[in-house]
């Protein structure tokens, strides 16, 4: 997924460039490794969601920045796959 989306984006950009005679300069791509939230945090969030009568949907966000922001706020996060 981490490579599929940029490839898809480049395909759409190339189509738009050809169709509208424009050029996009996206600059250099920045890549970070995905970070994983702690299992205990995920379980607590799922429980809180269920308490509202909503079925939680668990999926990877693919954003290492999410976990980095959580870490800075003192919320446990694990940078290693679980």
PDB file of N, CA and C in Angstrom:
ATOM      1  N   UNK A   1       0.829  -1.190   0.000  1.00  0.00           N
ATOM      2  CA  UNK A   1       0.000   0.000   0.000  1.00  0.00           C
ATOM      3  C   UNK A   1       0.871   1.251   0.000  1.00  0.00           C
ATOM      4  N   UNK A   2       1.988   1.197   0.734  1.00  0.00           N
ATOM      5  CA  UNK A   2       2.854   2.368   0.817  1.00  0.00           C
ATOM      6  C   UNK A   2       3.416   2.756  -0.544  1.00  0.00           C
ATOM      7  N   UNK A   3       3.554   1.816  -1.456  1.00  0.00           N
ATOM      8  CA  UNK A   3       4.048   2.142  -2.789  1.00  0.00           C
ATOM      9  C   UNK A   3       2.911   2.280  -3.790  1.00  0.00           C
ATOM     10  N   UNK A   4       1.807   1.579  -3.572  1.00  0.00           N
ATOM     11  CA  UNK A   4       0.682   1.617  -4.507  1.00  0.00           C
ATOM     12  C   UNK A   4       0.086   3.011  -4.622  1.00  0.00           C
ATOM     13  N   UNK A   5      -0.132   3.675  -3.496  1.00  0.00           N
ATOM     14  CA  UNK A   5      -0.758   4.997  -3.533  1.00  0.00           C
ATOM     15  C   UNK A   5       0.096   6.039  -4.261  1.00  0.00           C
ATOM     16  N   UNK A   6       1.388   6.148  -3.985  1.00  0.00           N
ATOM     17  CA  UNK A   6       2.200   7.114  -4.749  1.00  0.00           C
ATOM     18  C   UNK A   6       2.202   6.807  -6.246  1.00  0.00           C
ATOM     19  N   UNK A   7       2.234   5.519  -6.596  1.00  0.00           N
ATOM     20  CA  UNK A   7       2.205   5.147  -8.009  1.00  0.00           C
ATOM     21  C   UNK A   7       0.888   5.582  -8.646  1.00  0.00           C
ATOM     22  N   UNK A   8      -0.211   5.339  -7.963  1.00  0.00           N
ATOM     23  CA  UNK A   8      -1.526   5.733  -8.457  1.00  0.00           C
ATOM     24  C   UNK A   8      -1.614   7.257  -8.597  1.00  0.00           C
ATOM     25  N   UNK A   9      -1.090   7.969  -7.616  1.00  0.00           N
ATOM     26  CA  UNK A   9      -1.088   9.423  -7.659  1.00  0.00           C
ATOM     27  C   UNK A   9      -0.305   9.932  -8.876  1.00  0.00           C
ATOM     28  N   UNK A  10       0.872   9.346  -9.114  1.00  0.00           N
ATOM     29  CA  UNK A  10       1.686   9.759 -10.266  1.00  0.00           C
ATOM     30  C   UNK A  10       0.958   9.502 -11.584  1.00  0.00           C
ATOM     31  N   UNK A  11       0.222   8.388 -11.671  1.00  0.00           N
ATOM     32  CA  UNK A  11      -0.553   8.095 -12.882  1.00  0.00           C
ATOM     33  C   UNK A  11      -1.612   9.170 -13.123  1.00  0.00           C
ATOM     34  N   UNK A  12      -2.336   9.541 -12.079  1.00  0.00           N
ATOM     35  CA  UNK A  12      -3.375  10.564 -12.210  1.00  0.00           C
ATOM     36  C   UNK A  12      -2.763  11.930 -12.549  1.00  0.00           C
ATOM     37  N   UNK A  13      -1.656  12.246 -11.926  1.00  0.00           N
ATOM     38  CA  UNK A  13      -0.983  13.518 -12.202  1.00  0.00           C
ATOM     39  C   UNK A  13      -0.541  13.567 -13.657  1.00  0.00           C
ATOM     40  N   UNK A  14       0.039  12.482 -14.161  1.00  0.00           N
ATOM     41  CA  UNK A  14       0.499  12.436 -15.548  1.00  0.00           C
ATOM     42  C   UNK A  14      -0.680  12.626 -16.505  1.00  0.00           C
ATOM     43  N   UNK A  15      -1.817  12.015 -16.188  1.00  0.00           N
ATOM     44  CA  UNK A  15      -3.012  12.165 -17.031  1.00  0.00           C
ATOM     45  C   UNK A  15      -3.487  13.619 -17.036  1.00  0.00           C
ATOM     46  N   UNK A  16      -3.509  14.252 -15.885  1.00  0.00           N
ATOM     47  CA  UNK A  16      -3.936  15.652 -15.782  1.00  0.00           C
ATOM     48  C   UNK A  16      -2.950  16.559 -16.532  1.00  0.00           C
ATOM     49  N   UNK A  17      -1.658  16.281 -16.358  1.00  0.00           N
ATOM     50  CA  UNK A  17      -0.644  17.094 -17.053  1.00  0.00           C
ATOM     51  C   UNK A  17      -0.843  17.032 -18.566  1.00  0.00           C
ATOM     52  N   UNK A  18      -1.055  15.815 -19.083  1.00  0.00           N
ATOM     53  CA  UNK A  18      -1.257  15.655 -20.537  1.00  0.00           C
ATOM     54  C   UNK A  18      -2.546  16.343 -20.988  1.00  0.00           C
ATOM     55  N   UNK A  19      -3.604  16.152 -20.254  1.00  0.00           N
ATOM     56  CA  UNK A  19      -4.907  16.673 -20.645  1.00  0.00           C
ATOM     57  C   UNK A  19      -5.037  18.181 -20.545  1.00  0.00           C
ATOM     58  N   UNK A  20      -4.291  18.792 -19.650  1.00  0.00           N
ATOM     59  CA  UNK A  20      -4.430  20.238 -19.426  1.00  0.00           C
ATOM     60  C   UNK A  20      -3.184  21.045 -19.779  1.00  0.00           C
ATOM     61  N   UNK A  21      -2.196  20.357 -20.302  1.00  0.00           N
ATOM     62  CA  UNK A  21      -0.925  21.018 -20.676  1.00  0.00           C
ATOM     63  C   UNK A  21      -0.344  21.810 -19.505  1.00  0.00           C
ATOM     64  N   UNK A  22      -0.281  21.140 -18.355  1.00  0.00           N
ATOM     65  CA  UNK A  22       0.320  21.748 -17.161  1.00  0.00           C
ATOM     66  C   UNK A  22       1.396  20.798 -16.642  1.00  0.00           C
ATOM     67  N   UNK A  23       2.158  21.282 -15.705  1.00  0.00           N
ATOM     68  CA  UNK A  23       3.208  20.453 -15.083  1.00  0.00           C
ATOM     69  C   UNK A  23       3.134  20.622 -13.581  1.00  0.00           C
ATOM     70  N   UNK A  24       3.164  19.516 -12.859  1.00  0.00           N
ATOM     71  CA  UNK A  24       3.192  19.533 -11.397  1.00  0.00           C
ATOM     72  C   UNK A  24       4.602  19.202 -10.929  1.00  0.00           C
ATOM     73  N   UNK A  25       5.082  19.921  -9.948  1.00  0.00           N
ATOM     74  CA  UNK A  25       6.362  19.609  -9.328  1.00  0.00           C
ATOM     75  C   UNK A  25       6.071  19.282  -7.869  1.00  0.00           C
ATOM     76  N   UNK A  26       6.065  18.002  -7.550  1.00  0.00           N
ATOM     77  CA  UNK A  26       5.734  17.565  -6.195  1.00  0.00           C
ATOM     78  C   UNK A  26       6.931  17.584  -5.259  1.00  0.00           C
ATOM     79  N   UNK A  27       8.084  17.844  -5.787  1.00  0.00           N
ATOM     80  CA  UNK A  27       9.275  17.825  -4.942  1.00  0.00           C
ATOM     81  C   UNK A  27       9.686  16.400  -4.626  1.00  0.00           C
ATOM     82  N   UNK A  28      10.613  16.277  -3.712  1.00  0.00           N
ATOM     83  CA  UNK A  28      11.126  14.965  -3.341  1.00  0.00           C
ATOM     84  C   UNK A  28      10.179  14.284  -2.355  1.00  0.00           C
ATOM     85  N   UNK A  29       9.925  13.009  -2.580  1.00  0.00           N
ATOM     86  CA  UNK A  29       9.060  12.244  -1.682  1.00  0.00           C
ATOM     87  C   UNK A  29       9.782  11.996  -0.357  1.00  0.00           C
ATOM     88  N   UNK A  30       9.057  12.099   0.725  1.00  0.00           N
ATOM     89  CA  UNK A  30       9.596  11.802   2.047  1.00  0.00           C
ATOM     90  C   UNK A  30       8.988  10.496   2.538  1.00  0.00           C
ATOM     91  N   UNK A  31       9.821   9.581   2.952  1.00  0.00           N
ATOM     92  CA  UNK A  31       9.354   8.273   3.407  1.00  0.00           C
ATOM     93  C   UNK A  31       9.732   8.040   4.858  1.00  0.00           C
ATOM     94  N   UNK A  32       8.798   7.547   5.624  1.00  0.00           N
ATOM     95  CA  UNK A  32       9.084   7.127   6.998  1.00  0.00           C
ATOM     96  C   UNK A  32       8.515   5.728   7.182  1.00  0.00           C
ATOM     97  N   UNK A  33       9.095   5.002   8.088  1.00  0.00           N
ATOM     98  CA  UNK A  33       8.583   3.667   8.395  1.00  0.00           C
ATOM     99  C   UNK A  33       7.289   3.784   9.177  1.00  0.00           C
ATOM    100  N   UNK A  34       6.364   2.881   8.924  1.00  0.00           N
ATOM    101  CA  UNK A  34       5.117   2.920   9.690  1.00  0.00           C
ATOM    102  C   UNK A  34       5.386   2.670  11.170  1.00  0.00           C
ATOM    103  N   UNK A  35       4.617   3.294  12.023  1.00  0.00           N
ATOM    104  CA  UNK A  35       4.718   3.072  13.468  1.00  0.00           C
ATOM    105  C   UNK A  35       3.427   2.431  13.935  1.00  0.00           C
ATOM    106  N   UNK A  36       3.508   1.621  14.952  1.00  0.00           N
ATOM    107  CA  UNK A  36       2.351   0.895  15.447  1.00  0.00           C
ATOM    108  C   UNK A  36       1.959   1.386  16.838  1.00  0.00           C
ATOM    109  N   UNK A  37       0.675   1.565  17.054  1.00  0.00           N
ATOM    110  CA  UNK A  37       0.181   1.909  18.390  1.00  0.00           C
ATOM    111  C   UNK A  37       0.276   0.673  19.278  1.00  0.00           C
ATOM    112  N   UNK A  38       0.363   0.891  20.572  1.00  0.00           N
ATOM    113  CA  UNK A  38       0.444  -0.239  21.495  1.00  0.00           C
ATOM    114  C   UNK A  38      -0.872  -0.999  21.500  1.00  0.00           C
ATOM    115  N   UNK A  39      -0.793  -2.307  21.714  1.00  0.00           N
ATOM    116  CA  UNK A  39      -1.986  -3.156  21.734  1.00  0.00           C
ATOM    117  C   UNK A  39      -2.948  -2.716  22.826  1.00  0.00           C
ATOM    118  N   UNK A  40      -2.414  -2.281  23.963  1.00  0.00           N
ATOM    119  CA  UNK A  40      -3.300  -1.874  25.064  1.00  0.00           C
ATOM    120  C   UNK A  40      -4.069  -0.601  24.699  1.00  0.00           C
ATOM    121  N   UNK A  41      -3.433   0.317  23.991  1.00  0.00           N
ATOM    122  CA  UNK A  41      -4.121   1.534  23.559  1.00  0.00           C
ATOM    123  C   UNK A  41      -5.209   1.202  22.552  1.00  0.00           C
ATOM    124  N   UNK A  42      -4.906   0.331  21.606  1.00  0.00           N
ATOM    125  CA  UNK A  42      -5.898  -0.078  20.609  1.00  0.00           C
ATOM    126  C   UNK A  42      -7.096  -0.720  21.300  1.00  0.00           C
ATOM    127  N   UNK A  43      -6.833  -1.590  22.277  1.00  0.00           N
ATOM    128  CA  UNK A  43      -7.923  -2.255  23.002  1.00  0.00           C
ATOM    129  C   UNK A  43      -8.786  -1.238  23.746  1.00  0.00           C
ATOM    130  N   UNK A  44      -8.164  -0.248  24.371  1.00  0.00           N
ATOM    131  CA  UNK A  44      -8.924   0.782  25.100  1.00  0.00           C
ATOM    132  C   UNK A  44      -9.761   1.629  24.152  1.00  0.00           C
ATOM    133  N   UNK A  45      -9.207   1.979  23.010  1.00  0.00           N
ATOM    134  CA  UNK A  45      -9.961   2.760  22.035  1.00  0.00           C
ATOM    135  C   UNK A  45     -11.134   1.957  21.479  1.00  0.00           C
ATOM    136  N   UNK A  46     -10.923   0.668  21.235  1.00  0.00           N
ATOM    137  CA  UNK A  46     -12.000  -0.195  20.745  1.00  0.00           C
ATOM    138  C   UNK A  46     -13.112  -0.299  21.783  1.00  0.00           C
ATOM    139  N   UNK A  47     -12.737  -0.435  23.052  1.00  0.00           N
ATOM    140  CA  UNK A  47     -13.728  -0.519  24.128  1.00  0.00           C
ATOM    141  C   UNK A  47     -14.536   0.774  24.230  1.00  0.00           C
ATOM    142  N   UNK A  48     -13.858   1.903  24.131  1.00  0.00           N
ATOM    143  CA  UNK A  48     -14.540   3.201  24.199  1.00  0.00           C
ATOM    144  C   UNK A  48     -15.513   3.353  23.035  1.00  0.00           C
ATOM    145  N   UNK A  49     -15.102   2.897  21.869  1.00  0.00           N
ATOM    146  CA  UNK A  49     -15.972   2.961  20.691  1.00  0.00           C
ATOM    147  C   UNK A  49     -17.203   2.094  20.901  1.00  0.00           C
ATOM    148  N   UNK A  50     -16.989   0.882  21.391  1.00  0.00           N
ATOM    149  CA  UNK A  50     -18.103  -0.041  21.649  1.00  0.00           C
ATOM    150  C   UNK A  50     -19.059   0.523  22.686  1.00  0.00           C
ATOM    151  N   UNK A  51     -18.532   1.243  23.670  1.00  0.00           N
ATOM    152  CA  UNK A  51     -19.396   1.811  24.712  1.00  0.00           C
ATOM    153  C   UNK A  51     -20.347   2.859  24.147  1.00  0.00           C
ATOM    154  N   UNK A  52     -20.020   3.386  22.970  1.00  0.00           N
ATOM    155  CA  UNK A  52     -20.887   4.351  22.291  1.00  0.00           C
ATOM    156  C   UNK A  52     -21.853   3.661  21.329  1.00  0.00           C
ATOM    157  N   UNK A  53     -21.808   2.325  21.313  1.00  0.00           N
ATOM    158  CA  UNK A  53     -22.691   1.573  20.430  1.00  0.00           C
ATOM    159  C   UNK A  53     -22.204   1.490  19.005  1.00  0.00           C
ATOM    160  N   UNK A  54     -20.927   1.732  18.816  1.00  0.00           N
ATOM    161  CA  UNK A  54     -20.342   1.698  17.471  1.00  0.00           C
ATOM    162  C   UNK A  54     -19.351   0.542  17.414  1.00  0.00           C
ATOM    163  N   UNK A  55     -19.424  -0.240  16.351  1.00  0.00           N
ATOM    164  CA  UNK A  55     -18.455  -1.313  16.165  1.00  0.00           C
ATOM    165  C   UNK A  55     -17.139  -0.724  15.669  1.00  0.00           C
ATOM    166  N   UNK A  56     -16.050  -0.958  16.393  1.00  0.00           N
ATOM    167  CA  UNK A  56     -14.771  -0.398  15.953  1.00  0.00           C
ATOM    168  C   UNK A  56     -14.276  -1.094  14.686  1.00  0.00           C
ATOM    169  N   UNK A  57     -13.636  -0.330  13.836  1.00  0.00           N
ATOM    170  CA  UNK A  57     -13.008  -0.868  12.635  1.00  0.00           C
ATOM    171  C   UNK A  57     -11.513  -0.613  12.781  1.00  0.00           C
ATOM    172  N   UNK A  58     -10.755  -1.669  12.817  1.00  0.00           N
ATOM    173  CA  UNK A  58      -9.306  -1.542  12.989  1.00  0.00           C
ATOM    174  C   UNK A  58      -8.626  -1.661  11.631  1.00  0.00           C
ATOM    175  N   UNK A  59      -7.813  -0.664  11.306  1.00  0.00           N
ATOM    176  CA  UNK A  59      -7.060  -0.697  10.064  1.00  0.00           C
ATOM    177  C   UNK A  59      -5.806   0.145  10.245  1.00  0.00           C
ATOM    178  N   UNK A  60      -4.740  -0.197   9.525  1.00  0.00           N
ATOM    179  CA  UNK A  60      -3.517   0.596   9.636  1.00  0.00           C
ATOM    180  C   UNK A  60      -3.685   1.937   8.944  1.00  0.00           C
ATOM    181  N   UNK A  61      -3.198   2.985   9.582  1.00  0.00           N
ATOM    182  CA  UNK A  61      -3.289   4.299   8.954  1.00  0.00           C
ATOM    183  C   UNK A  61      -2.139   4.524   7.987  1.00  0.00           C
ATOM    184  N   UNK A  62      -1.046   3.793   8.209  1.00  0.00           N
ATOM    185  CA  UNK A  62       0.109   3.989   7.349  1.00  0.00           C
ATOM    186  C   UNK A  62       0.888   5.257   7.674  1.00  0.00           C
ATOM    187  N   UNK A  63       0.463   5.969   8.682  1.00  0.00           N
ATOM    188  CA  UNK A  63       1.108   7.231   9.015  1.00  0.00           C
ATOM    189  C   UNK A  63       1.980   7.124  10.241  1.00  0.00           C
ATOM    190  N   UNK A  64       3.281   7.072  10.054  1.00  0.00           N
ATOM    191  CA  UNK A  64       4.188   7.070  11.202  1.00  0.00           C
ATOM    192  C   UNK A  64       4.038   8.331  12.029  1.00  0.00           C
ATOM    193  N   UNK A  65       3.582   9.413  11.380  1.00  0.00           N
ATOM    194  CA  UNK A  65       3.433  10.679  12.080  1.00  0.00           C
ATOM    195  C   UNK A  65       2.372  10.588  13.166  1.00  0.00           C
ATOM    196  N   UNK A  66       1.342   9.741  12.972  1.00  0.00           N
ATOM    197  CA  UNK A  66       0.299   9.580  13.986  1.00  0.00           C
ATOM    198  C   UNK A  66       0.915   9.111  15.305  1.00  0.00           C
ATOM    199  N   UNK A  67       1.677   8.045  15.225  1.00  0.00           N
ATOM    200  CA  UNK A  67       2.296   7.485  16.425  1.00  0.00           C
ATOM    201  C   UNK A  67       3.314   8.454  17.018  1.00  0.00           C
ATOM    202  N   UNK A  68       4.015   9.176  16.172  1.00  0.00           N
ATOM    203  CA  UNK A  68       5.002  10.132  16.669  1.00  0.00           C
ATOM    204  C   UNK A  68       4.323  11.237  17.476  1.00  0.00           C
ATOM    205  N   UNK A  69       3.188  11.724  16.992  1.00  0.00           N
ATOM    206  CA  UNK A  69       2.449  12.758  17.724  1.00  0.00           C
ATOM    207  C   UNK A  69       1.937  12.192  19.044  1.00  0.00           C
ATOM    208  N   UNK A  70       1.420  10.970  19.016  1.00  0.00           N
ATOM    209  CA  UNK A  70       0.944  10.343  20.253  1.00  0.00           C
ATOM    210  C   UNK A  70       2.088  10.222  21.259  1.00  0.00           C
ATOM    211  N   UNK A  71       3.252   9.780  20.790  1.00  0.00           N
ATOM    212  CA  UNK A  71       4.412   9.625  21.683  1.00  0.00           C
ATOM    213  C   UNK A  71       4.778  10.943  22.351  1.00  0.00           C
ATOM    214  N   UNK A  72       4.791  12.006  21.566  1.00  0.00           N
ATOM    215  CA  UNK A  72       5.132  13.324  22.110  1.00  0.00           C
ATOM    216  C   UNK A  72       4.136  13.765  23.187  1.00  0.00           C
ATOM    217  N   UNK A  73       2.900  13.270  23.094  1.00  0.00           N
ATOM    218  CA  UNK A  73       1.868  13.632  24.079  1.00  0.00           C
ATOM    219  C   UNK A  73       1.861  12.665  25.251  1.00  0.00           C
ATOM    220  N   UNK A  74       2.805  11.712  25.274  1.00  0.00           N
ATOM    221  CA  UNK A  74       2.901  10.768  26.383  1.00  0.00           C
ATOM    222  C   UNK A  74       1.987   9.565  26.230  1.00  0.00           C
ATOM    223  N   UNK A  75       1.422   9.363  25.048  1.00  0.00           N
ATOM    224  CA  UNK A  75       0.552   8.225  24.804  1.00  0.00           C
ATOM    225  C   UNK A  75       1.420   7.105  24.252  1.00  0.00           C
ATOM    226  N   UNK A  76       1.315   5.891  24.846  1.00  0.00           N
ATOM    227  CA  UNK A  76       2.221   4.810  24.444  1.00  0.00           C
ATOM    228  C   UNK A  76       2.055   4.428  22.977  1.00  0.00           C
ATOM    229  N   UNK A  77       3.176   4.232  22.356  1.00  0.00           N
ATOM    230  CA  UNK A  77       3.209   3.807  20.966  1.00  0.00           C
ATOM    231  C   UNK A  77       4.423   2.922  20.807  1.00  0.00           C
ATOM    232  N   UNK A  78       4.352   1.986  19.916  1.00  0.00           N
ATOM    233  CA  UNK A  78       5.440   1.044  19.719  1.00  0.00           C
ATOM    234  C   UNK A  78       5.891   1.137  18.284  1.00  0.00           C
ATOM    235  N   UNK A  79       7.156   1.411  18.045  1.00  0.00           N
ATOM    236  CA  UNK A  79       7.637   1.567  16.684  1.00  0.00           C
ATOM    237  C   UNK A  79       7.961   0.221  16.039  1.00  0.00           C
ATOM    238  N   UNK A  80       7.794  -0.874  16.780  1.00  0.00           N
ATOM    239  CA  UNK A  80       8.070  -2.191  16.233  1.00  0.00           C
ATOM    240  C   UNK A  80       6.758  -2.913  15.955  1.00  0.00           C
ATOM    241  N   UNK A  81       6.683  -3.688  14.852  1.00  0.00           N
ATOM    242  CA  UNK A  81       5.449  -4.406  14.547  1.00  0.00           C
ATOM    243  C   UNK A  81       5.051  -5.324  15.692  1.00  0.00           C
ATOM    244  N   UNK A  82       3.737  -5.440  15.896  1.00  0.00           N
ATOM    245  CA  UNK A  82       3.244  -6.278  16.997  1.00  0.00           C
ATOM    246  C   UNK A  82       2.687  -7.564  16.489  1.00  0.00           C
TER     247      UNK A  82
END
